[in-house]
Protein backbone atom coordinates (compact mmCIF):
# COMPACT_ATOMS: atom_id res chain seq x y z
CA MET A 1 -0.03 0.04 -0.05
CA THR A 2 0.98 3.73 -0.58
CA LEU A 3 0.29 6.83 1.42
CA ARG A 4 -1.92 7.92 -1.32
CA ASP A 5 -4.08 4.78 -0.65
CA LEU A 6 -4.51 5.88 2.88
CA ALA A 7 -5.01 9.63 2.26
CA ASP A 8 -8.85 9.40 2.81
CA GLU A 9 -8.54 7.74 6.30
CA PRO A 10 -8.56 9.94 9.43
CA PHE A 11 -5.29 10.73 10.64
CA LEU A 12 -4.06 11.71 14.16
CA LEU A 13 -0.95 13.70 13.92
CA ARG A 14 1.59 15.58 16.12
CA GLU A 15 0.87 19.30 16.71
CA THR A 16 1.79 21.85 13.90
CA GLY A 17 5.14 23.14 14.56
CA SER A 18 6.52 20.12 16.24
CA GLY A 19 9.69 18.62 14.79
CA SER A 20 8.02 15.33 13.77
CA ARG A 21 5.03 17.34 12.28
CA LEU A 22 7.33 19.50 10.09
CA THR A 23 9.03 16.54 8.84
CA VAL A 24 5.69 14.82 7.90
CA ASP A 25 4.28 18.06 6.39
CA GLN A 26 7.36 18.42 4.21
CA HIS A 27 7.26 14.89 2.99
CA LEU A 28 3.66 15.28 2.03
CA ARG A 29 4.20 18.59 0.20
CA GLU A 30 6.89 16.89 -1.75
CA ALA A 31 4.74 13.82 -2.58
CA GLY A 32 1.69 16.03 -3.32
CA ILE A 33 -0.51 14.30 -0.83
CA ALA A 34 -3.12 15.96 1.61
CA LEU A 35 -4.07 13.91 4.64
CA LYS A 36 -7.46 14.19 6.37
CA VAL A 37 -6.22 15.30 9.77
CA ARG A 38 -8.78 14.33 12.40
CA LEU A 39 -6.91 15.77 15.34
CA SER A 40 -3.41 17.33 16.13
CA LEU A 41 -2.06 16.46 19.57
CA ALA A 42 1.16 17.38 21.51
CA SER A 43 1.54 13.81 22.94
CA ASN A 44 2.83 10.57 21.30
CA GLU A 45 1.22 8.66 24.13
CA ALA A 46 -2.16 10.24 23.46
CA ILE A 47 -2.03 9.58 19.77
CA ARG A 48 -1.14 5.81 20.54
CA GLU A 49 -4.07 5.50 22.66
CA LEU A 50 -6.41 6.97 20.24
CA VAL A 51 -4.97 4.86 17.37
CA ALA A 52 -5.63 1.69 19.56
CA SER A 53 -9.18 2.77 20.31
CA GLY A 54 -9.91 3.06 16.44
CA MET A 55 -9.94 6.77 16.18
CA GLY A 56 -7.64 6.87 13.12
CA LEU A 57 -4.19 6.34 11.68
CA ALA A 58 -1.00 8.07 12.81
CA ILE A 59 2.44 8.69 11.58
CA LEU A 60 4.72 8.19 14.62
CA SER A 61 8.48 7.22 15.04
CA ARG A 62 9.09 3.58 15.77
CA HIS A 63 10.72 4.83 18.98
CA ALA A 64 7.34 6.34 19.94
CA LEU A 65 5.45 3.02 19.80
CA GLY A 66 7.24 1.18 22.49
CA GLY A 67 8.56 -2.30 22.50
CA GLN A 68 5.23 -4.24 21.84
CA PRO A 69 2.82 -2.06 19.71
CA ALA A 70 0.65 -5.21 18.75
CA GLU A 71 -0.01 -5.84 22.45
CA ALA A 72 -1.34 -2.39 22.76
CA GLY A 73 -3.83 -2.94 19.82
CA ILE A 74 -1.60 -1.06 17.27
CA ALA A 75 -0.74 -2.56 13.84
CA VAL A 76 2.42 -1.14 11.95
CA LEU A 77 1.56 -0.64 8.27
CA ASP A 78 4.24 -1.22 5.65
CA VAL A 79 3.79 1.87 3.49
CA LYS A 80 5.77 1.82 0.35
CA ASP A 81 8.15 4.63 -0.23
CA PHE A 82 7.42 6.18 3.11
CA VAL A 83 10.66 6.60 4.99
CA LEU A 84 11.23 9.64 7.11
CA LYS A 85 14.56 10.57 8.50
CA ARG A 86 15.34 13.36 10.89
CA PRO A 87 18.45 14.42 12.52
CA TRP A 88 18.83 13.85 16.25
CA THR A 89 20.45 16.25 18.66
CA VAL A 90 22.15 15.28 21.93
CA VAL A 91 22.38 17.94 24.43
CA HIS A 92 23.77 18.22 28.02
CA LEU A 93 24.84 20.90 30.34
CA ARG A 94 28.16 22.28 29.36
CA SER A 95 29.18 22.63 32.97
CA LYS A 96 28.23 19.14 33.96
CA ARG A 97 30.72 16.33 33.59
CA LEU A 98 29.20 13.06 32.05
CA SER A 99 29.09 9.89 33.80
CA LEU A 100 31.11 7.11 32.21
CA PRO A 101 27.81 5.44 30.91
CA ALA A 102 26.67 8.79 29.52
CA GLN A 103 30.04 9.54 27.87
CA ALA A 104 30.25 6.07 26.44
CA PHE A 105 26.57 6.32 25.01
CA LEU A 106 27.59 9.79 23.56
CA ASP A 107 30.85 8.41 22.03
CA ALA A 108 28.86 5.53 20.41
CA LEU A 109 26.38 7.94 18.87
CA LEU A 110 29.06 10.16 17.37
CA HIS A 111 31.00 7.20 16.21
CA THR A 112 27.92 5.89 14.24
CA GLY A 113 26.97 9.28 12.85
CA LEU A 114 23.80 9.25 14.80
CA GLY A 115 24.65 12.18 17.18
């Protein structure tokens, strides 16, 4: 299935102006697709709950779904040619010395190019 196949379904999306919504909106503009947005919310958790209750579809990061989306009543759809990538930013207080595990995590992110 494609995103165009799903365009007439009601969608629950993050609020306008959020980083994830900006990424989704840009992709939709470039693809020439307009979705039926039923509701915009500031909470991934609220979106997950509403999707699980049958209120509509959502576009969320896999990280926002938690470990077992199927157990929460959520199906992950395989939508052709719909891959969104966003840069991540890692921040910490400049004046705070990172713990060894935190520094190792940061080093691993930087080494893999994800940070």
